[in-house]
């Protein structure tokens, strides 16, 4: 009995800790785990995907036109549920990566930044827990970008278990500011906090401890 409880506990912890969450697929009656907040540029969501023959076969995505006068252009996204714990993503030695599908006519090598932080505090650096970066490798076709951990900014007051805001920055701090258009879909990363799973893990842990 004890052995079975231990195995069940390990399976639950493993599946909870290593799953990856798609936050929004923009499909009708599809996956949606955040609402858009403040944006510097022009956002249309959902938007019809005009290239379904390549990497992204989804019918819908999001379309964003970058503000051509803002050095740092932001898209705030309010998560409907906090992320469970992003500690394992906030390190240079992790194999866990945040990913997102992107289509753009912007030059190859265009930077894209992702910040995980607090919706109640949009200030930098206090409201930001961690920052990730990626860059485009193609143009005029869909690709899946992988975000690399960059830093936990000095002065951050956000803990790894309080994250309820995602912030995207397309081409932040460029040499030449342009109003490029970006299409994005299927932003996926750290799992959402799941009360049911957490309680199941806790119940098995308590039962196992009581029998030892």
Foldseek 3Di string as FASTA:
>chain_A
DLVVLVVVLVVLVVCQFPDKDFQDFLDDVDHHFWDKDDWPWDKDGFDADPDLPPDHVDRTWMKTWFDQPDQWTKIKIFGNFFFAFCVLQQDQPHPFWKKKKKAWQDDFFWKKKKWWFAPVDPDPPQGTQFMWMWTHHDHRDIDMITTGTDHGDPNYNGHRRRTGMMMMTTRHRHPHGDGIMMIIGRGMGGHGDDPVSVVVSVVSVVVSVVVD
